[in-house]
């Protein structure tokens, strides 16, 4: 009878171990934030340094190449948050699936310097692009 009990105990231990391993690799309860298969994709395709109305601006062209809408919550240049932003879209800083829009950032730039524009999404992701003025 001891051998039968040992066999059942071993079967239970193996079942629990297999179940634990399965949950580690496939967790249906995990959040979508941080899951790279569910994150939206916002791709910066180009940056342009120019002057509009006597102000230096950086024009950023971005496209939502993902399968979910993307909302930009913050814009930074070289790590500094920017507040003087205009968007050519009626949607504001929300990029619908397949949308390409232009974000214009009033920023005093210098020819020859390198600038990194970062777009922070509402889901915590970041898109960035570096170019030289």
N, C-alpha and C. Protein backbone atom coordinates (compact mmCIF):
# COMPACT_ATOMS: atom_id res chain seq x y z
N UNK A 1 0.82 -1.19 0.00
CA UNK A 1 0.00 0.00 0.00
C UNK A 1 0.86 1.25 0.00
N UNK A 2 2.04 1.19 0.57
CA UNK A 2 2.94 2.32 0.58
C UNK A 2 3.38 2.69 -0.83
N UNK A 3 3.60 1.70 -1.67
CA UNK A 3 4.00 1.98 -3.04
C UNK A 3 2.91 2.69 -3.81
N UNK A 4 1.64 2.32 -3.54
CA UNK A 4 0.51 2.95 -4.20
C UNK A 4 0.41 4.42 -3.77
N UNK A 5 0.58 4.71 -2.47
CA UNK A 5 0.53 6.08 -1.96
C UNK A 5 1.68 6.90 -2.53
N UNK A 6 2.86 6.30 -2.61
CA UNK A 6 4.02 7.00 -3.18
C UNK A 6 3.79 7.35 -4.65
N UNK A 7 3.15 6.45 -5.37
CA UNK A 7 2.86 6.69 -6.78
C UNK A 7 1.87 7.84 -6.95
N UNK A 8 0.81 7.87 -6.12
CA UNK A 8 -0.16 8.98 -6.18
C UNK A 8 0.51 10.30 -5.81
N UNK A 9 1.32 10.30 -4.77
CA UNK A 9 2.02 11.51 -4.35
C UNK A 9 2.93 12.02 -5.47
N UNK A 10 3.67 11.13 -6.10
CA UNK A 10 4.55 11.50 -7.20
C UNK A 10 3.75 12.05 -8.38
N UNK A 11 2.61 11.45 -8.67
CA UNK A 11 1.74 11.93 -9.74
C UNK A 11 1.23 13.35 -9.45
N UNK A 12 0.86 13.62 -8.21
CA UNK A 12 0.39 14.95 -7.82
C UNK A 12 1.52 15.97 -7.95
N UNK A 13 2.70 15.64 -7.49
CA UNK A 13 3.85 16.55 -7.57
C UNK A 13 4.18 16.87 -9.02
N UNK A 14 4.18 15.87 -9.88
CA UNK A 14 4.48 16.08 -11.30
C UNK A 14 3.39 16.94 -11.94
N UNK A 15 2.13 16.71 -11.61
CA UNK A 15 1.03 17.50 -12.17
C UNK A 15 1.14 18.96 -11.76
N UNK A 16 1.45 19.22 -10.51
CA UNK A 16 1.61 20.60 -10.03
C UNK A 16 2.80 21.26 -10.74
N UNK A 17 3.90 20.55 -10.90
CA UNK A 17 5.08 21.10 -11.57
C UNK A 17 4.78 21.44 -13.03
N UNK A 18 4.10 20.56 -13.74
CA UNK A 18 3.75 20.81 -15.14
C UNK A 18 2.80 22.00 -15.24
N UNK A 19 1.82 22.07 -14.35
CA UNK A 19 0.89 23.20 -14.35
C UNK A 19 1.58 24.52 -14.08
N UNK A 20 2.52 24.54 -13.16
CA UNK A 20 3.28 25.75 -12.84
C UNK A 20 4.11 26.20 -14.03
N UNK A 21 4.78 25.28 -14.66
CA UNK A 21 5.59 25.61 -15.84
C UNK A 21 4.71 26.14 -16.96
N UNK A 22 3.55 25.54 -17.15
CA UNK A 22 2.63 26.01 -18.20
C UNK A 22 2.18 27.44 -17.92
N UNK A 23 1.87 27.77 -16.68
CA UNK A 23 1.45 29.14 -16.34
C UNK A 23 2.58 30.15 -16.48
N UNK A 24 3.80 29.73 -16.26
CA UNK A 24 4.94 30.64 -16.44
C UNK A 24 5.08 31.03 -17.91
N UNK A 25 4.95 30.07 -18.80
CA UNK A 25 5.15 30.34 -20.22
C UNK A 25 3.89 30.84 -20.94
N UNK A 26 2.73 30.47 -20.45
CA UNK A 26 1.49 30.96 -21.05
C UNK A 26 0.57 31.37 -19.91
N UNK A 27 0.52 32.68 -19.67
CA UNK A 27 -0.31 33.20 -18.58
C UNK A 27 -1.47 33.98 -19.17
N UNK A 28 -2.65 33.43 -19.18
CA UNK A 28 -3.80 34.14 -19.76
C UNK A 28 -4.27 35.31 -18.92
N UNK A 29 -3.74 35.47 -17.71
CA UNK A 29 -4.17 36.52 -16.82
C UNK A 29 -3.27 37.74 -16.83
N UNK A 30 -2.15 37.69 -17.56
CA UNK A 30 -1.22 38.82 -17.53
C UNK A 30 -1.82 40.03 -18.24
N UNK A 31 -1.36 41.22 -17.84
CA UNK A 31 -1.84 42.46 -18.43
C UNK A 31 -1.26 42.63 -19.82
N UNK A 32 -1.93 43.44 -20.64
CA UNK A 32 -1.41 43.69 -21.99
C UNK A 32 -0.28 44.69 -21.97
N UNK A 33 -0.19 45.54 -20.94
CA UNK A 33 0.91 46.50 -20.86
C UNK A 33 2.20 45.73 -20.66
N UNK A 34 3.16 45.99 -21.47
CA UNK A 34 4.44 45.31 -21.39
C UNK A 34 4.48 44.02 -22.19
N UNK A 35 3.38 43.60 -22.73
CA UNK A 35 3.34 42.40 -23.55
C UNK A 35 3.63 42.83 -24.99
N UNK A 36 4.82 42.51 -25.51
CA UNK A 36 5.20 43.02 -26.83
C UNK A 36 4.29 42.56 -27.97
N UNK A 37 3.53 41.51 -27.78
CA UNK A 37 2.64 41.07 -28.84
C UNK A 37 1.36 41.90 -28.89
N UNK A 38 1.09 42.70 -27.85
CA UNK A 38 -0.13 43.49 -27.79
C UNK A 38 0.13 44.99 -27.83
N UNK A 39 1.38 45.42 -27.87
CA UNK A 39 1.72 46.84 -27.80
C UNK A 39 1.52 47.53 -29.15
N UNK A 40 1.02 48.76 -29.12
CA UNK A 40 0.89 49.50 -30.36
C UNK A 40 2.26 49.91 -30.90
N UNK A 41 2.32 50.17 -32.18
CA UNK A 41 3.56 50.58 -32.83
C UNK A 41 3.38 51.97 -33.42
N UNK A 42 4.15 52.91 -32.95
CA UNK A 42 4.17 54.25 -33.52
C UNK A 42 5.59 54.48 -34.01
N UNK A 43 5.74 54.65 -35.31
CA UNK A 43 7.05 54.77 -35.92
C UNK A 43 7.28 56.19 -36.40
N UNK A 44 8.37 56.80 -35.91
CA UNK A 44 8.76 58.11 -36.41
C UNK A 44 9.53 57.88 -37.70
N UNK A 45 9.04 58.45 -38.79
CA UNK A 45 9.63 58.19 -40.10
C UNK A 45 10.58 59.28 -40.56
N UNK A 46 10.45 60.49 -39.98
CA UNK A 46 11.30 61.59 -40.44
C UNK A 46 11.22 62.74 -39.45
N UNK A 47 12.32 63.50 -39.35
CA UNK A 47 12.36 64.75 -38.60
C UNK A 47 12.89 65.83 -39.52
N UNK A 48 12.32 67.02 -39.40
CA UNK A 48 12.75 68.15 -40.22
C UNK A 48 12.97 69.35 -39.31
N UNK A 49 14.09 70.03 -39.50
CA UNK A 49 14.42 71.22 -38.73
C UNK A 49 14.19 72.43 -39.62
N UNK A 50 13.30 73.33 -39.18
CA UNK A 50 12.96 74.48 -40.02
C UNK A 50 12.55 75.65 -39.13
N UNK A 51 12.15 76.75 -39.78
CA UNK A 51 11.67 77.93 -39.07
C UNK A 51 10.28 78.28 -39.57
N UNK A 52 9.34 78.48 -38.65
CA UNK A 52 7.97 78.88 -38.97
C UNK A 52 7.61 80.09 -38.11
N UNK A 53 7.11 81.15 -38.75
CA UNK A 53 6.70 82.36 -38.01
C UNK A 53 7.79 82.86 -37.06
N UNK A 54 9.02 82.92 -37.56
CA UNK A 54 10.18 83.39 -36.79
C UNK A 54 10.52 82.53 -35.58
N UNK A 55 10.05 81.28 -35.54
CA UNK A 55 10.39 80.36 -34.45
C UNK A 55 11.01 79.10 -35.04
N UNK A 56 12.05 78.61 -34.38
CA UNK A 56 12.62 77.32 -34.77
C UNK A 56 11.65 76.22 -34.38
N UNK A 57 11.46 75.26 -35.27
CA UNK A 57 10.59 74.13 -34.98
C UNK A 57 11.24 72.84 -35.48
N UNK A 58 10.82 71.75 -34.87
CA UNK A 58 11.17 70.42 -35.34
C UNK A 58 9.85 69.77 -35.76
N UNK A 59 9.80 69.34 -37.01
CA UNK A 59 8.60 68.69 -37.53
C UNK A 59 8.86 67.18 -37.53
N UNK A 60 7.99 66.46 -36.86
CA UNK A 60 8.13 65.01 -36.73
C UNK A 60 7.00 64.33 -37.49
N UNK A 61 7.35 63.44 -38.41
CA UNK A 61 6.37 62.64 -39.13
C UNK A 61 6.33 61.26 -38.49
N UNK A 62 5.12 60.82 -38.10
CA UNK A 62 4.97 59.53 -37.45
C UNK A 62 3.80 58.77 -38.06
N UNK A 63 3.92 57.43 -38.02
CA UNK A 63 2.89 56.55 -38.56
C UNK A 63 2.58 55.46 -37.56
N UNK A 64 1.29 55.19 -37.38
CA UNK A 64 0.87 54.06 -36.55
C UNK A 64 0.90 52.81 -37.42
N UNK A 65 1.93 51.99 -37.23
CA UNK A 65 2.09 50.77 -38.02
C UNK A 65 1.55 49.55 -37.29
N UNK A 66 0.93 49.78 -36.12
CA UNK A 66 0.42 48.66 -35.33
C UNK A 66 -1.03 48.36 -35.62
N UNK A 67 -1.63 47.57 -34.74
CA UNK A 67 -3.02 47.15 -34.92
C UNK A 67 -3.93 47.75 -33.85
N UNK A 68 -3.43 48.72 -33.08
CA UNK A 68 -4.21 49.41 -32.06
C UNK A 68 -3.98 50.90 -32.20
N UNK A 69 -4.97 51.74 -31.85
CA UNK A 69 -4.74 53.18 -31.82
C UNK A 69 -3.67 53.53 -30.79
N UNK A 70 -2.93 54.61 -31.04
CA UNK A 70 -1.86 55.04 -30.13
C UNK A 70 -2.11 56.49 -29.75
N UNK A 71 -2.08 56.77 -28.45
CA UNK A 71 -2.20 58.14 -27.97
C UNK A 71 -0.86 58.56 -27.37
N UNK A 72 -0.34 59.69 -27.85
CA UNK A 72 0.92 60.23 -27.32
C UNK A 72 0.58 61.11 -26.13
N UNK A 73 1.16 60.79 -24.98
CA UNK A 73 0.88 61.55 -23.76
C UNK A 73 1.95 62.58 -23.46
N UNK A 74 3.16 62.37 -23.94
CA UNK A 74 4.24 63.32 -23.67
C UNK A 74 5.23 63.30 -24.82
N UNK A 75 5.84 64.46 -25.05
CA UNK A 75 6.87 64.60 -26.07
C UNK A 75 8.10 65.19 -25.40
N UNK A 76 9.24 64.56 -25.63
CA UNK A 76 10.49 65.06 -25.07
C UNK A 76 11.52 65.22 -26.18
N UNK A 77 12.35 66.24 -26.04
CA UNK A 77 13.51 66.42 -26.93
C UNK A 77 14.74 66.40 -26.05
N UNK A 78 15.64 65.47 -26.35
CA UNK A 78 16.85 65.27 -25.55
C UNK A 78 16.54 65.19 -24.06
N UNK A 79 15.42 64.53 -23.72
CA UNK A 79 15.04 64.30 -22.34
C UNK A 79 14.22 65.40 -21.69
N UNK A 80 14.03 66.54 -22.36
CA UNK A 80 13.26 67.64 -21.80
C UNK A 80 11.83 67.62 -22.34
N UNK A 81 10.84 67.67 -21.44
CA UNK A 81 9.44 67.68 -21.84
C UNK A 81 9.11 68.95 -22.59
N UNK A 82 8.35 68.79 -23.69
CA UNK A 82 7.99 69.92 -24.54
C UNK A 82 6.50 70.23 -24.39
N UNK A 83 6.16 71.52 -24.35
CA UNK A 83 4.77 71.92 -24.20
C UNK A 83 4.23 72.66 -25.42
N UNK A 84 5.09 73.22 -26.26
CA UNK A 84 4.65 73.99 -27.42
C UNK A 84 4.58 73.05 -28.63
N UNK A 85 3.44 72.34 -28.73
CA UNK A 85 3.27 71.30 -29.74
C UNK A 85 1.98 71.56 -30.51
N UNK A 86 2.04 71.37 -31.81
CA UNK A 86 0.83 71.39 -32.62
C UNK A 86 0.80 70.11 -33.45
N UNK A 87 -0.41 69.67 -33.78
CA UNK A 87 -0.59 68.44 -34.54
C UNK A 87 -1.47 68.75 -35.73
N UNK A 88 -1.12 68.18 -36.87
CA UNK A 88 -1.89 68.42 -38.10
C UNK A 88 -3.17 67.61 -38.18
N UNK A 89 -3.41 66.73 -37.24
CA UNK A 89 -4.57 65.83 -37.29
C UNK A 89 -5.73 66.39 -36.46
N UNK A 90 -6.95 66.08 -36.89
CA UNK A 90 -8.12 66.46 -36.10
C UNK A 90 -8.24 65.58 -34.85
N UNK A 91 -7.49 64.48 -34.81
CA UNK A 91 -7.53 63.56 -33.67
C UNK A 91 -6.60 64.00 -32.54
N UNK A 92 -5.87 65.08 -32.71
CA UNK A 92 -4.91 65.49 -31.69
C UNK A 92 -3.74 64.54 -31.68
N UNK A 93 -3.36 64.08 -30.51
CA UNK A 93 -2.19 63.20 -30.40
C UNK A 93 -2.58 61.72 -30.37
N UNK A 94 -3.75 61.39 -30.93
CA UNK A 94 -4.14 59.99 -31.08
C UNK A 94 -3.97 59.59 -32.53
N UNK A 95 -3.20 58.54 -32.74
CA UNK A 95 -2.95 58.01 -34.08
C UNK A 95 -3.80 56.76 -34.25
N UNK A 96 -4.78 56.82 -35.13
CA UNK A 96 -5.59 55.65 -35.42
C UNK A 96 -4.76 54.65 -36.24
N UNK A 97 -5.24 53.45 -36.37
CA UNK A 97 -4.52 52.40 -37.10
C UNK A 97 -4.23 52.88 -38.52
N UNK A 98 -2.98 52.86 -38.92
CA UNK A 98 -2.57 53.26 -40.26
C UNK A 98 -2.39 54.75 -40.47
N UNK A 99 -2.75 55.58 -39.48
CA UNK A 99 -2.63 57.03 -39.62
C UNK A 99 -1.18 57.48 -39.66
N UNK A 100 -0.92 58.47 -40.52
CA UNK A 100 0.35 59.19 -40.54
C UNK A 100 0.03 60.65 -40.25
N UNK A 101 0.69 61.22 -39.28
CA UNK A 101 0.45 62.60 -38.90
C UNK A 101 1.76 63.32 -38.68
N UNK A 102 1.65 64.64 -38.61
CA UNK A 102 2.81 65.49 -38.38
C UNK A 102 2.66 66.19 -37.05
N UNK A 103 3.69 66.12 -36.24
CA UNK A 103 3.74 66.83 -34.96
C UNK A 103 4.78 67.93 -35.10
N UNK A 104 4.39 69.17 -34.84
CA UNK A 104 5.31 70.30 -34.93
C UNK A 104 5.64 70.76 -33.51
N UNK A 105 6.92 70.82 -33.20
CA UNK A 105 7.38 71.16 -31.86
C UNK A 105 8.21 72.43 -31.95
N UNK A 106 7.78 73.47 -31.25
CA UNK A 106 8.57 74.70 -31.21
C UNK A 106 9.77 74.44 -30.31
N UNK A 107 10.97 74.54 -30.90
CA UNK A 107 12.19 74.20 -30.16
C UNK A 107 13.37 74.90 -30.83
N UNK A 108 14.16 75.60 -30.04
CA UNK A 108 15.34 76.30 -30.57
C UNK A 108 16.46 75.29 -30.78
N UNK A 109 16.75 75.02 -32.05
CA UNK A 109 17.77 74.04 -32.41
C UNK A 109 18.98 74.74 -33.02
N UNK A 110 20.11 74.05 -33.07
CA UNK A 110 21.36 74.59 -33.60
C UNK A 110 21.87 73.67 -34.70
N UNK A 111 22.23 74.26 -35.83
CA UNK A 111 22.76 73.47 -36.95
C UNK A 111 23.97 72.68 -36.48
N UNK A 112 24.00 71.39 -36.84
CA UNK A 112 25.12 70.52 -36.50
C UNK A 112 24.91 69.73 -35.21
N UNK A 113 23.95 70.12 -34.38
CA UNK A 113 23.68 69.38 -33.15
C UNK A 113 22.72 68.23 -33.41
N UNK A 114 22.84 67.20 -32.60
CA UNK A 114 21.99 66.02 -32.71
C UNK A 114 20.84 66.14 -31.70
N UNK A 115 19.64 65.76 -32.14
CA UNK A 115 18.46 65.85 -31.29
C UNK A 115 17.69 64.54 -31.34
N UNK A 116 17.23 64.10 -30.16
CA UNK A 116 16.40 62.90 -30.06
C UNK A 116 15.01 63.32 -29.62
N UNK A 117 14.01 63.00 -30.45
CA UNK A 117 12.62 63.25 -30.11
C UNK A 117 12.03 61.93 -29.61
N UNK A 118 11.41 61.97 -28.42
CA UNK A 118 10.76 60.80 -27.83
C UNK A 118 9.28 61.06 -27.70
N UNK A 119 8.47 60.11 -28.18
CA UNK A 119 7.02 60.18 -28.03
C UNK A 119 6.62 59.09 -27.05
N UNK A 120 6.02 59.48 -25.93
CA UNK A 120 5.62 58.53 -24.91
C UNK A 120 4.14 58.22 -25.05
N UNK A 121 3.82 56.94 -25.23
CA UNK A 121 2.45 56.50 -25.47
C UNK A 121 1.72 56.33 -24.14
N UNK A 122 0.39 56.32 -24.20
CA UNK A 122 -0.43 56.16 -23.00
C UNK A 122 -0.26 54.79 -22.36
N UNK A 123 0.25 53.80 -23.10
CA UNK A 123 0.44 52.46 -22.54
C UNK A 123 1.84 52.28 -21.95
N UNK A 124 2.62 53.36 -21.90
CA UNK A 124 3.96 53.29 -21.31
C UNK A 124 5.07 53.05 -22.31
N UNK A 125 4.74 52.77 -23.56
CA UNK A 125 5.77 52.54 -24.57
C UNK A 125 6.35 53.88 -25.05
N UNK A 126 7.48 53.81 -25.74
CA UNK A 126 8.15 55.01 -26.24
C UNK A 126 8.61 54.79 -27.67
N UNK A 127 8.40 55.82 -28.50
CA UNK A 127 8.97 55.84 -29.85
C UNK A 127 9.98 56.97 -29.86
N UNK A 128 11.13 56.76 -30.48
CA UNK A 128 12.10 57.85 -30.53
C UNK A 128 12.84 57.83 -31.85
N UNK A 129 13.44 58.99 -32.15
CA UNK A 129 14.15 59.17 -33.42
C UNK A 129 15.22 60.20 -33.17
N UNK A 130 16.41 59.97 -33.70
CA UNK A 130 17.53 60.90 -33.55
C UNK A 130 17.97 61.38 -34.93
N UNK A 131 18.19 62.69 -35.03
CA UNK A 131 18.64 63.28 -36.29
C UNK A 131 19.50 64.50 -35.97
N UNK A 132 20.23 64.95 -36.94
CA UNK A 132 21.10 66.11 -36.78
C UNK A 132 20.53 67.29 -37.57
N UNK A 133 20.49 68.44 -36.89
CA UNK A 133 19.95 69.66 -37.51
C UNK A 133 20.87 70.15 -38.59
